[in-house]
Amino acid sequence: MKESIKIFFQDLKNSFKDLLPIIIVVAFFQTFIIQSMPENLTSIVIGLTIVAVGLALFIRGLELGIFPIGENLAIDFAKKGSTFWLLLFAFTIGFATTVAEPALIAIADKASVISGGLVDAFWLRMTVAFSVGFAITLGTFRILLGHPIQYYIITGYILVVLVTFFAPKEIIGLAYDSGGVTTSTVTVPLVAALGIGLASSIKGRNPVIDGFGLIAFASLTPMIFVQVYGIIVYSLGDASTVVSVVSEVATVSKDVLEPKAFSILNMFLELLGVIKDIAPILIVIFFFQYLIIKKSVPHLPKIITGIVMVILGLYAFIIGLEMGLFPIGESIANDLTSQDNNLLIYLFGFMIGFSTTMAEPALLAIAIKVQDISEGVIKQNVLRTVVALGVAIGIALGAYRLVQGDPIHYYIIVGYSFVIILTYFAPKHIIPIAYDTGGVTTSTVTVPLVAALGIGLATNIEGRNPLIDGFGLIAFASLFPMLTVMGYGIYAEYANKKLEKEKLEGAK
């Protein structure tokens, strides 16, 4: 018990350290740019404290429950030798978790309103969920075959670019964003555990090179599927019904992102919401564990404790965000868009992108796993910093694109071209990790703030269409971490070779 309390307090200390960049950014902009103190300062401080406690509980719960059950399932499937059931599990876990993803529901509802009903929220969600199920299945099949991931991913990016030229301009930004909102805070660690467990249990597979990459597939396929869906609905539907309703966009954005009034009832409903989001994952896991593998879960009390900690941690995390981070982040974003200084918008985009990514639970979970699997060669703090730098650059550039009114696909096509080029130079072990980071950076913390910034800019800047220009920042936040992580891998390999060469010369 003493050891558990000691570990939790260490996690809590690390959580506060992770939140420090956000506090610094908010304090800087409030003090020096906005030049006023927020009215609800006490609520913000309490909210950020709750976020830290939630993050600590969440990470400890992952270690106790989600990681072990995911890896054990993968190993049991490999021992069973049933490819069909393994692939069906992969599809089901991808589909079930995506359908219930709150960020996707919010984006789909917003797209339906803005498109005048031409884009149906339900069918958009089904399209994205099916694409993620297909992605996890394809990624699992790749691990079984032992194929290099880059051939699949590069082919996928080429398809994204090709389809972009045929897709209606109203759907492109939405399609690119849909790739960033599909991987939830709980799905990411489970899928990562599945891939690593499978790669560890198959002879000839390397957990670092083969185990990562499933999340990359889940971020890529929705961009293709949603654009194809857009081509179909815009060719069959009446495009004249598509309207740019700025007031409706603002209303939907406000409904989705505005913090709720706090009451016992609302807090209870929030907890039920978290349980509802996680329930599909648990149903799929225990169905396959008991009815297909026909084996009891090892260390079940420990696993259940971990799952309960994940639920409570995620619940506290969301409550804390709504009390502390979202209100202040959105008010700063709104204040900046009303000022006549675009450089401040780009600076805020950069700094908030970096700081929120450092506190992103999904990235933290992956970084811990990467450090563990690489036996400490890749440090989790270094990886998270490099990823956060990529997100910061991406959001700043995305904000610049939005202010200038440039078409999004030119930026994305150039970005993917650089990803393809760097893939040929990056070390093999870093490529799957780099691809995965594109999917884990846009989750619980980042999506609402980035969405608020994008919608705020598109609404307040004259001549911008919220449907065409308001979406797309999430796509930038997903793309650039791949570039920075591969760049870091290339530099680290060069530095190691140089050090080894110097040692050899010194020995002579």
Protein backbone atom coordinates (compact mmCIF):
# COMPACT_ATOMS: atom_id res chain seq x y z
CA MET A 1 0.00 0.00 0.00
CA LYS A 2 2.82 2.37 0.95
CA GLU A 3 4.55 1.65 -2.37
CA SER A 4 1.33 2.36 -4.32
CA ILE A 5 0.85 5.71 -2.56
CA LYS A 6 4.50 6.60 -3.23
CA ILE A 7 4.09 5.77 -6.96
CA PHE A 8 0.84 7.78 -7.16
CA PHE A 9 2.45 10.86 -5.61
CA GLN A 10 5.34 10.56 -8.08
CA ASP A 11 2.76 10.41 -10.92
CA LEU A 12 1.01 13.45 -9.40
CA LYS A 13 4.30 15.37 -9.29
CA ASN A 14 4.93 14.51 -12.95
CA SER A 15 1.37 15.60 -13.86
CA PHE A 16 1.90 19.06 -12.34
CA LYS A 17 5.21 19.26 -14.24
CA ASP A 18 3.36 18.39 -17.48
CA LEU A 19 0.79 21.15 -16.85
CA LEU A 20 3.44 23.80 -16.14
CA PRO A 21 3.86 24.83 -19.84
CA ILE A 22 0.09 25.47 -20.11
CA ILE A 23 0.12 27.61 -16.95
CA ILE A 24 3.10 29.62 -18.24
CA VAL A 25 1.45 30.23 -21.66
CA VAL A 26 -1.88 31.28 -20.13
CA ALA A 27 -0.20 33.52 -17.54
CA PHE A 28 1.99 35.15 -20.22
CA PHE A 29 -0.91 35.98 -22.57
CA GLN A 30 -3.22 37.14 -19.75
CA THR A 31 -0.56 39.37 -18.17
CA PHE A 32 1.31 40.82 -21.14
CA ILE A 33 -1.06 40.57 -24.13
CA ILE A 34 -4.63 40.71 -22.79
CA GLN A 35 -3.41 42.68 -19.75
CA SER A 36 -6.17 41.59 -17.39
CA MET A 37 -6.63 38.86 -14.83
CA PRO A 38 -9.40 36.28 -15.48
CA GLU A 39 -12.50 36.72 -13.30
CA ASN A 40 -12.71 33.04 -12.38
CA LEU A 41 -9.07 32.64 -11.27
CA THR A 42 -9.94 30.41 -8.27
CA SER A 43 -12.00 28.08 -10.47
CA ILE A 44 -9.10 27.88 -12.97
CA VAL A 45 -6.57 26.96 -10.26
CA ILE A 46 -8.90 24.30 -8.80
CA GLY A 47 -9.62 22.99 -12.30
CA LEU A 48 -5.93 22.61 -13.17
CA THR A 49 -5.32 20.81 -9.84
CA ILE A 50 -8.14 18.38 -10.67
CA VAL A 51 -6.59 17.87 -14.14
CA ALA A 52 -3.26 16.90 -12.52
CA VAL A 53 -4.95 14.40 -10.17
CA GLY A 54 -6.96 12.96 -13.09
CA LEU A 55 -3.84 12.58 -15.23
CA ALA A 56 -2.00 10.76 -12.42
CA LEU A 57 -4.94 8.37 -11.88
CA PHE A 58 -5.28 7.78 -15.62
CA ILE A 59 -1.60 6.87 -16.13
CA ARG A 60 -1.55 4.53 -13.11
CA GLY A 61 -4.77 2.89 -14.37
CA LEU A 62 -3.24 2.31 -17.81
CA GLU A 63 -0.24 0.56 -16.26
CA LEU A 64 -2.46 -1.63 -14.07
CA GLY A 65 -5.35 -2.39 -16.43
CA ILE A 66 -5.39 -1.30 -20.08
CA PHE A 67 -1.79 -2.12 -21.12
CA PRO A 68 -1.76 -5.65 -19.57
CA ILE A 69 -5.18 -6.70 -20.90
CA GLY A 70 -4.35 -5.46 -24.42
CA GLU A 71 -1.03 -7.29 -24.53
CA ASN A 72 -2.47 -10.47 -22.99
CA LEU A 73 -5.27 -10.52 -25.58
CA ALA A 74 -2.77 -10.19 -28.43
CA ILE A 75 -0.60 -13.00 -27.04
CA ASP A 76 -3.66 -15.27 -26.54
CA PHE A 77 -4.82 -14.62 -30.11
CA ALA A 78 -1.33 -15.43 -31.43
CA LYS A 79 -1.27 -18.70 -29.42
CA LYS A 80 -4.76 -19.60 -30.61
CA GLY A 81 -3.53 -19.18 -34.18
CA SER A 82 -6.87 -17.90 -35.45
CA THR A 83 -6.25 -15.08 -37.91
CA PHE A 84 -10.00 -14.63 -38.52
CA TRP A 85 -10.86 -13.96 -34.87
CA LEU A 86 -7.84 -11.70 -34.41
CA LEU A 87 -8.77 -9.57 -37.42
CA LEU A 88 -12.43 -9.48 -36.36
CA PHE A 89 -11.35 -8.30 -32.90
CA ALA A 90 -9.18 -5.61 -34.51
CA PHE A 91 -12.08 -4.38 -36.66
CA THR A 92 -14.58 -4.46 -33.78
CA ILE A 93 -12.34 -2.54 -31.36
CA GLY A 94 -11.68 0.11 -34.02
CA PHE A 95 -15.33 0.48 -35.06
CA ALA A 96 -16.89 0.35 -31.56
CA THR A 97 -14.54 2.87 -29.97
CA THR A 98 -14.78 5.35 -32.85
CA VAL A 99 -18.59 5.39 -33.00
CA ALA A 100 -18.65 6.49 -29.34
CA GLU A 101 -15.83 9.07 -29.71
CA PRO A 102 -17.19 12.42 -28.34
CA ALA A 103 -14.86 14.55 -30.51
CA LEU A 104 -16.14 12.79 -33.66
CA ILE A 105 -19.78 13.24 -32.60
CA ALA A 106 -19.14 16.98 -32.08
CA ILE A 107 -17.39 17.37 -35.45
CA ALA A 108 -20.10 15.37 -37.28
CA ASP A 109 -22.93 17.45 -35.76
CA LYS A 110 -21.09 20.64 -36.65
CA ALA A 111 -20.52 19.48 -40.26
CA SER A 112 -24.21 18.58 -40.64
CA VAL A 113 -25.35 22.05 -39.54
CA ILE A 114 -22.82 23.94 -41.64
CA SER A 115 -23.55 21.89 -44.79
CA GLY A 116 -27.29 22.52 -44.52
CA GLY A 117 -27.90 18.81 -43.85
CA LEU A 118 -26.14 17.59 -46.99
CA VAL A 119 -23.51 15.88 -44.82
CA ASP A 120 -25.51 13.55 -42.55
CA ALA A 121 -24.02 13.35 -39.04
CA PHE A 122 -24.94 9.67 -38.52
CA TRP A 123 -23.56 8.45 -41.87
CA LEU A 124 -20.43 10.56 -41.48
CA ARG A 125 -19.79 8.87 -38.12
CA MET A 126 -20.47 5.44 -39.63
CA THR A 127 -18.06 6.20 -42.49
CA VAL A 128 -15.29 7.25 -40.09
CA ALA A 129 -15.95 4.32 -37.71
CA PHE A 130 -15.86 1.81 -40.58
CA SER A 131 -12.62 3.35 -41.87
CA VAL A 132 -10.98 3.04 -38.42
CA GLY A 133 -12.15 -0.58 -38.07
CA PHE A 134 -10.68 -1.27 -41.51
CA ALA A 135 -7.47 0.55 -40.53
CA ILE A 136 -6.86 -1.44 -37.34
CA THR A 137 -7.60 -4.66 -39.25
CA LEU A 138 -5.17 -3.74 -42.03
CA GLY A 139 -2.51 -2.68 -39.51
CA THR A 140 -2.89 -5.97 -37.60
CA PHE A 141 -2.65 -7.93 -40.87
CA ARG A 142 0.58 -6.04 -41.67
CA ILE A 143 2.11 -7.14 -38.36
CA LEU A 144 1.16 -10.77 -39.11
CA LEU A 145 2.81 -10.56 -42.55
CA GLY A 146 5.83 -8.58 -41.27
CA HIS A 147 5.67 -5.99 -44.05
CA PRO A 148 7.44 -2.62 -43.56
CA ILE A 149 4.87 -0.01 -42.52
CA GLN A 150 6.12 2.74 -44.83
CA TYR A 151 4.87 1.00 -48.00
CA TYR A 152 1.32 0.99 -46.62
CA ILE A 153 1.44 4.54 -45.23
CA ILE A 154 3.04 6.11 -48.32
CA THR A 155 0.45 4.40 -50.54
CA GLY A 156 -2.23 5.79 -48.22
CA TYR A 157 -0.89 9.34 -48.43
CA ILE A 158 -0.75 9.14 -52.23
CA LEU A 159 -4.41 8.03 -52.22
CA VAL A 160 -5.32 10.93 -49.89
CA VAL A 161 -3.70 13.40 -52.27
CA LEU A 162 -5.28 11.85 -55.38
CA VAL A 163 -8.78 11.79 -53.89
CA THR A 164 -8.34 15.42 -52.75
CA PHE A 165 -8.34 16.58 -56.38
CA PHE A 166 -11.81 15.03 -56.92
CA ALA A 167 -13.37 15.85 -53.54
CA PRO A 168 -15.64 18.92 -53.08
CA LYS A 169 -13.73 21.76 -51.41
CA GLU A 170 -16.35 21.85 -48.61
CA ILE A 171 -15.40 18.32 -47.46
CA ILE A 172 -11.58 18.48 -47.67
CA GLY A 173 -10.83 20.25 -44.37
CA LEU A 174 -13.42 18.10 -42.58
CA ALA A 175 -11.89 14.91 -44.04
CA TYR A 176 -8.37 15.91 -42.98
CA ASP A 177 -9.61 16.74 -39.46
CA SER A 178 -11.53 13.45 -39.15
CA GLY A 179 -8.19 11.63 -39.21
CA GLY A 180 -7.13 13.50 -36.07
CA VAL A 181 -10.24 13.00 -33.91
CA THR A 182 -10.69 9.23 -34.28
CA THR A 183 -8.10 8.05 -31.78
CA SER A 184 -9.46 8.53 -28.26
CA THR A 185 -7.57 8.73 -24.99
CA VAL A 186 -8.42 5.11 -24.09
CA THR A 187 -8.31 3.63 -27.60
CA VAL A 188 -4.70 4.74 -28.21
CA PRO A 189 -3.10 2.80 -25.30
CA LEU A 190 -5.25 -0.28 -25.95
CA VAL A 191 -4.43 -0.37 -29.68
CA ALA A 192 -0.74 0.25 -28.92
CA ALA A 193 -0.77 -2.62 -26.40
CA LEU A 194 -2.45 -4.86 -28.99
CA GLY A 195 0.21 -4.10 -31.62
CA ILE A 196 3.16 -4.47 -29.22
CA GLY A 197 1.74 -7.67 -27.70
CA LEU A 198 1.21 -9.20 -31.13
CA ALA A 199 4.68 -8.23 -32.40
CA SER A 200 6.25 -9.59 -29.18
CA SER A 201 4.53 -12.97 -29.53
CA ILE A 202 5.34 -13.64 -33.22
CA LYS A 203 8.78 -15.05 -34.00
CA GLY A 204 10.86 -12.73 -36.16
CA ARG A 205 8.92 -9.56 -35.28
CA ASN A 206 10.48 -6.56 -33.53
CA PRO A 207 8.11 -4.83 -31.04
CA VAL A 208 9.62 -1.40 -31.83
CA ILE A 209 9.57 -1.70 -35.65
CA ASP A 210 6.46 -3.90 -36.04
CA GLY A 211 4.47 -3.18 -32.85
CA PHE A 212 3.82 0.51 -33.46
CA GLY A 213 1.88 1.89 -36.42
CA LEU A 214 -1.72 0.82 -35.80
CA ILE A 215 -2.66 4.34 -34.70
CA ALA A 216 -1.13 5.73 -37.90
CA PHE A 217 -3.50 3.56 -39.96
CA ALA A 218 -6.45 4.77 -37.85
CA SER A 219 -5.51 8.40 -38.57
CA LEU A 220 -4.94 7.90 -42.30
CA THR A 221 -7.93 5.91 -43.61
CA PRO A 222 -10.68 8.33 -42.42
CA MET A 223 -9.18 11.04 -44.66
CA ILE A 224 -9.70 8.80 -47.71
CA PHE A 225 -13.11 7.42 -46.71
CA VAL A 226 -14.61 10.82 -45.75
CA GLN A 227 -13.48 12.40 -49.01
CA VAL A 228 -15.05 9.52 -50.98
CA TYR A 229 -18.22 9.97 -48.89
CA GLY A 230 -18.13 13.70 -49.75
CA ILE A 231 -17.79 12.97 -53.47
CA ILE A 232 -20.87 10.70 -53.29
CA VAL A 233 -23.15 13.01 -51.27
CA TYR A 234 -22.19 16.15 -53.17
CA SER A 235 -22.73 14.46 -56.54
CA LEU A 236 -26.09 12.93 -55.53
CA GLY A 237 -27.33 15.78 -53.29
CA ASP A 238 -28.39 19.30 -54.15
CA ALA A 239 -25.22 21.35 -53.69
CA SER A 240 -27.27 24.55 -53.68
CA THR A 241 -28.44 23.65 -50.19
CA VAL A 242 -24.89 24.09 -48.90
CA VAL A 243 -24.84 27.37 -47.03
CA SER A 244 -22.23 29.24 -45.10
CA VAL A 245 -24.16 30.07 -41.98
CA VAL A 246 -21.73 31.89 -39.73
CA SER A 247 -24.23 32.33 -36.91
CA GLU A 248 -25.06 28.62 -36.92
CA VAL A 249 -21.39 27.71 -36.82
CA ALA A 250 -20.84 29.98 -33.87
CA THR A 251 -23.87 28.47 -32.10
CA VAL A 252 -22.75 24.87 -32.65
CA SER A 253 -19.19 25.71 -31.66
CA LYS A 254 -20.45 27.34 -28.49
CA ASP A 255 -22.71 24.39 -27.64
CA VAL A 256 -19.90 21.91 -28.13
CA LEU A 257 -17.10 23.80 -26.41
CA GLU A 258 -18.75 26.02 -23.80
CA PRO A 259 -18.20 24.78 -20.23
CA LYS A 260 -21.32 23.44 -18.54
CA ALA A 261 -22.80 24.93 -15.38
CA PHE A 262 -21.52 22.89 -12.47
CA SER A 263 -23.98 20.94 -10.36
CA ILE A 264 -24.16 17.50 -8.76
CA LEU A 265 -26.42 16.37 -11.62
CA ASN A 266 -24.03 17.62 -14.33
CA MET A 267 -21.05 16.00 -12.62
CA PHE A 268 -22.95 12.70 -12.37
CA LEU A 269 -23.94 12.94 -16.06
CA GLU A 270 -20.30 13.65 -16.95
CA LEU A 271 -19.23 10.48 -15.12
CA LEU A 272 -21.93 8.49 -16.93
CA GLY A 273 -20.66 9.97 -20.20
CA VAL A 274 -17.11 8.74 -19.51
CA ILE A 275 -18.42 5.26 -18.60
CA LYS A 276 -20.52 5.25 -21.81
CA ASP A 277 -17.43 6.14 -23.88
CA ILE A 278 -15.35 3.34 -22.33
CA ALA A 279 -18.17 0.74 -22.21
CA PRO A 280 -17.86 -0.34 -25.90
CA ILE A 281 -14.15 -1.04 -25.39
CA LEU A 282 -14.80 -3.16 -22.28
CA ILE A 283 -17.69 -5.05 -23.93
CA VAL A 284 -15.51 -5.96 -26.93
CA ILE A 285 -12.55 -6.97 -24.72
CA PHE A 286 -14.50 -9.22 -22.36
CA PHE A 287 -16.63 -10.72 -25.18
CA PHE A 288 -13.53 -11.89 -27.05
CA GLN A 289 -11.70 -12.88 -23.86
CA TYR A 290 -14.42 -15.15 -22.45
CA LEU A 291 -16.41 -16.30 -25.51
CA ILE A 292 -13.74 -16.56 -28.24
CA ILE A 293 -10.46 -17.20 -26.42
CA LYS A 294 -12.44 -18.93 -23.65
CA LYS A 295 -9.97 -18.04 -20.96
CA SER A 296 -10.33 -16.02 -17.76
CA VAL A 297 -8.54 -12.68 -17.45
CA PRO A 298 -5.29 -13.08 -15.49
CA HIS A 299 -5.02 -10.89 -12.35
CA LEU A 300 -8.66 -9.78 -12.80
CA PRO A 301 -8.92 -7.70 -9.54
CA LYS A 302 -5.80 -5.74 -10.57
CA ILE A 303 -7.17 -5.23 -14.11
CA ILE A 304 -10.55 -4.03 -12.75
CA THR A 305 -8.79 -1.64 -10.34
CA GLY A 306 -6.84 -0.25 -13.29
CA ILE A 307 -9.97 0.21 -15.41
CA VAL A 308 -11.77 2.00 -12.54
CA MET A 309 -8.74 4.28 -12.11
CA VAL A 310 -8.78 5.05 -15.86
CA ILE A 311 -12.49 5.95 -15.68
CA LEU A 312 -12.07 8.14 -12.56
CA GLY A 313 -8.88 9.69 -13.93
CA LEU A 314 -10.45 10.55 -17.29
CA TYR A 315 -13.55 11.90 -15.51
CA ALA A 316 -11.48 14.15 -13.22
CA PHE A 317 -9.37 15.21 -16.20
CA ILE A 318 -12.42 16.33 -18.21
CA ILE A 319 -14.05 18.10 -15.24
CA GLY A 320 -10.80 19.92 -14.53
CA LEU A 321 -10.41 20.97 -18.17
CA GLU A 322 -13.93 22.41 -18.24
CA MET A 323 -13.29 24.33 -15.02
CA GLY A 324 -9.74 25.47 -15.72
CA LEU A 325 -8.33 25.26 -19.21
CA PHE A 326 -11.16 25.51 -21.75
CA PRO A 327 -12.74 28.78 -20.50
CA ILE A 328 -9.42 30.63 -20.30
CA GLY A 329 -8.11 29.17 -23.57
CA GLU A 330 -11.26 30.11 -25.48
CA SER A 331 -11.42 33.63 -24.01
CA ILE A 332 -7.78 34.26 -25.01
CA ALA A 333 -8.45 32.89 -28.52
CA ASN A 334 -11.49 35.18 -28.89
CA ASP A 335 -9.58 38.22 -27.57
CA LEU A 336 -6.73 37.59 -30.00
CA THR A 337 -8.96 37.18 -33.06
CA SER A 338 -10.58 40.55 -32.29
CA GLN A 339 -7.16 42.29 -32.14
CA ASP A 340 -5.55 43.55 -35.32
CA ASN A 341 -2.30 41.61 -34.87
CA ASN A 342 -1.91 38.32 -36.74
CA LEU A 343 1.52 37.61 -35.25
CA LEU A 344 -0.10 37.26 -31.81
CA ILE A 345 -2.50 34.66 -33.25
CA TYR A 346 0.42 32.65 -34.68
CA LEU A 347 2.35 32.95 -31.41
CA PHE A 348 -0.67 31.80 -29.39
CA GLY A 349 -1.22 28.89 -31.80
CA PHE A 350 2.43 27.84 -31.43
CA MET A 351 2.58 28.15 -27.64
CA ILE A 352 -0.82 26.60 -26.88
CA GLY A 353 -0.04 23.77 -29.34
CA PHE A 354 3.22 22.99 -27.54
CA SER A 355 1.87 23.29 -24.01
CA THR A 356 -1.35 21.28 -24.49
CA THR A 357 0.50 18.49 -26.32
CA MET A 358 2.88 18.10 -23.38
CA ALA A 359 -0.19 17.42 -21.19
CA GLU A 360 -1.96 15.12 -23.71
CA PRO A 361 -2.75 11.79 -21.97
CA ALA A 362 -2.72 9.70 -25.19
CA LEU A 363 0.77 10.96 -26.10
CA LEU A 364 2.01 10.37 -22.56
CA ALA A 365 0.73 6.78 -22.70
CA ILE A 366 2.48 6.10 -26.02
CA ALA A 367 5.71 7.81 -24.90
CA ILE A 368 5.85 5.63 -21.75
CA LYS A 369 5.37 2.52 -23.91
CA VAL A 370 8.04 3.64 -26.41
CA GLN A 371 10.57 4.19 -23.60
CA ASP A 372 9.71 0.78 -22.13
CA ILE A 373 9.91 -1.15 -25.44
CA SER A 374 13.09 0.65 -26.61
CA GLU A 375 14.66 -0.14 -23.19
CA GLY A 376 15.26 3.54 -22.50
CA VAL A 377 17.00 4.34 -25.81
CA ILE A 378 14.13 6.69 -26.71
CA LYS A 379 13.39 8.85 -23.65
CA GLN A 380 9.69 9.64 -23.15
CA ASN A 381 10.35 13.29 -22.21
CA VAL A 382 12.47 13.85 -25.33
CA LEU A 383 9.88 12.18 -27.58
CA ARG A 384 7.03 14.24 -26.11
CA THR A 385 9.00 17.48 -26.49
CA VAL A 386 9.79 16.72 -30.15
CA VAL A 387 6.13 15.83 -30.82
CA ALA A 388 4.92 18.98 -29.03
CA LEU A 389 7.27 21.08 -31.17
CA GLY A 390 5.70 19.51 -34.29
CA VAL A 391 2.17 20.29 -33.09
CA ALA A 392 3.20 23.87 -32.25
CA ILE A 393 4.63 24.44 -35.73
CA GLY A 394 1.58 22.78 -37.31
CA ILE A 395 -1.00 24.90 -35.49
CA ALA A 396 0.94 28.14 -36.10
CA LEU A 397 1.22 27.34 -39.82
CA GLY A 398 -2.45 26.25 -39.92
CA ALA A 399 -3.47 29.56 -38.34
CA TYR A 400 -1.37 31.40 -40.93
CA ARG A 401 -3.09 29.45 -43.74
CA LEU A 402 -6.49 30.34 -42.30
CA VAL A 403 -5.67 34.05 -41.93
CA GLN A 404 -4.29 34.19 -45.48
CA GLY A 405 -7.22 32.22 -46.90
CA ASP A 406 -5.04 29.74 -48.83
CA PRO A 407 -6.51 26.35 -49.90
CA ILE A 408 -5.61 23.73 -47.29
CA HIS A 409 -4.71 20.90 -49.65
CA TYR A 410 -1.61 22.66 -51.03
CA TYR A 411 -0.11 22.77 -47.54
CA ILE A 412 -1.12 19.19 -46.70
CA ILE A 413 0.20 17.80 -50.02
CA VAL A 414 3.58 19.50 -49.49
CA GLY A 415 3.62 18.23 -45.88
CA TYR A 416 2.93 14.63 -46.91
CA SER A 417 5.59 14.92 -49.62
CA PHE A 418 8.12 15.80 -46.90
CA VAL A 419 6.87 12.87 -44.77
CA ILE A 420 7.49 10.51 -47.71
CA ILE A 421 10.98 11.95 -48.34
CA LEU A 422 12.02 11.77 -44.66
CA THR A 423 10.73 8.18 -44.46
CA TYR A 424 13.57 7.10 -46.77
CA PHE A 425 16.22 8.74 -44.55
CA ALA A 426 14.83 8.03 -41.06
CA PRO A 427 16.03 5.02 -39.01
CA LYS A 428 13.73 2.00 -39.28
CA HIS A 429 12.86 1.94 -35.58
CA ILE A 430 11.63 5.56 -35.52
CA ILE A 431 9.31 5.40 -38.59
CA PRO A 432 6.30 3.57 -37.02
CA ILE A 433 6.59 5.69 -33.86
CA ALA A 434 6.66 8.88 -35.96
CA TYR A 435 3.59 7.79 -37.91
CA ASP A 436 1.74 6.98 -34.66
CA THR A 437 2.49 10.38 -33.12
CA GLY A 438 0.30 11.99 -35.80
CA GLY A 439 -2.72 10.25 -34.29
CA VAL A 440 -2.06 10.71 -30.57
CA THR A 441 -1.44 14.45 -30.53
CA THR A 442 -5.05 15.48 -31.20
CA SER A 443 -7.12 14.14 -28.32
CA THR A 444 -8.75 15.23 -25.07
CA VAL A 445 -6.89 18.51 -24.50
CA THR A 446 -5.88 19.70 -27.94
CA VAL A 447 -9.01 19.11 -30.08
CA PRO A 448 -11.45 21.45 -28.25
CA LEU A 449 -8.95 24.32 -28.03
CA VAL A 450 -7.77 23.94 -31.63
CA ALA A 451 -11.38 23.66 -32.86
CA ALA A 452 -12.28 26.83 -30.94
CA LEU A 453 -9.32 28.69 -32.46
CA GLY A 454 -10.16 27.54 -36.02
CA ILE A 455 -13.87 28.33 -35.79
CA GLY A 456 -13.12 31.67 -34.05
CA LEU A 457 -10.72 32.74 -36.80
CA ALA A 458 -13.00 31.63 -39.64
CA THR A 459 -15.97 33.39 -38.02
CA ASN A 460 -14.22 36.71 -37.27
CA ILE A 461 -12.12 37.14 -40.43
CA GLU A 462 -14.00 38.69 -43.31
CA GLY A 463 -14.24 36.56 -46.45
CA ARG A 464 -13.64 33.22 -44.69
CA ASN A 465 -16.09 30.33 -45.01
CA PRO A 466 -16.30 28.39 -41.70
CA LEU A 467 -17.08 25.15 -43.56
CA ILE A 468 -14.06 25.46 -45.89
CA ASP A 469 -11.64 27.42 -43.67
CA GLY A 470 -12.75 26.61 -40.09
CA PHE A 471 -11.71 22.96 -40.29
CA GLY A 472 -8.13 21.86 -40.91
CA LEU A 473 -6.10 22.98 -37.88
CA ILE A 474 -6.34 19.47 -36.41
CA ALA A 475 -4.91 18.08 -39.66
CA PHE A 476 -1.88 20.39 -39.33
CA ALA A 477 -1.46 19.30 -35.69
CA SER A 478 -1.45 15.64 -36.84
CA LEU A 479 0.94 16.09 -39.76
CA PHE A 480 3.91 18.02 -38.40
CA PRO A 481 4.81 15.74 -35.44
CA MET A 482 5.64 13.03 -38.00
CA LEU A 483 8.17 15.38 -39.58
CA THR A 484 9.77 16.48 -36.29
CA VAL A 485 9.99 12.92 -34.89
CA MET A 486 11.62 11.54 -38.07
CA GLY A 487 13.91 14.58 -38.14
CA TYR A 488 14.87 13.84 -34.53
CA GLY A 489 15.52 10.18 -35.45
CA ILE A 490 17.80 11.17 -38.34
CA TYR A 491 19.72 13.62 -36.13
CA ALA A 492 20.05 11.11 -33.23
CA GLU A 493 21.42 8.43 -35.58
CA TYR A 494 23.91 10.90 -37.08
CA ALA A 495 25.02 12.04 -33.60
CA ASN A 496 25.48 8.42 -32.42
CA LYS A 497 27.57 7.53 -35.48
CA LYS A 498 29.71 10.64 -34.99
CA LEU A 499 30.23 9.75 -31.29
CA GLU A 500 31.21 6.17 -32.15
CA LYS A 501 33.64 7.44 -34.80
CA GLU A 502 35.25 9.82 -32.27
CA LYS A 503 35.58 6.96 -29.74
CA LEU A 504 37.28 4.76 -32.34
CA GLU A 505 39.67 7.54 -33.31
CA GLY A 506 40.40 8.22 -29.63
CA ALA A 507 41.13 4.54 -29.02
CA LYS A 508 43.74 4.61 -31.78
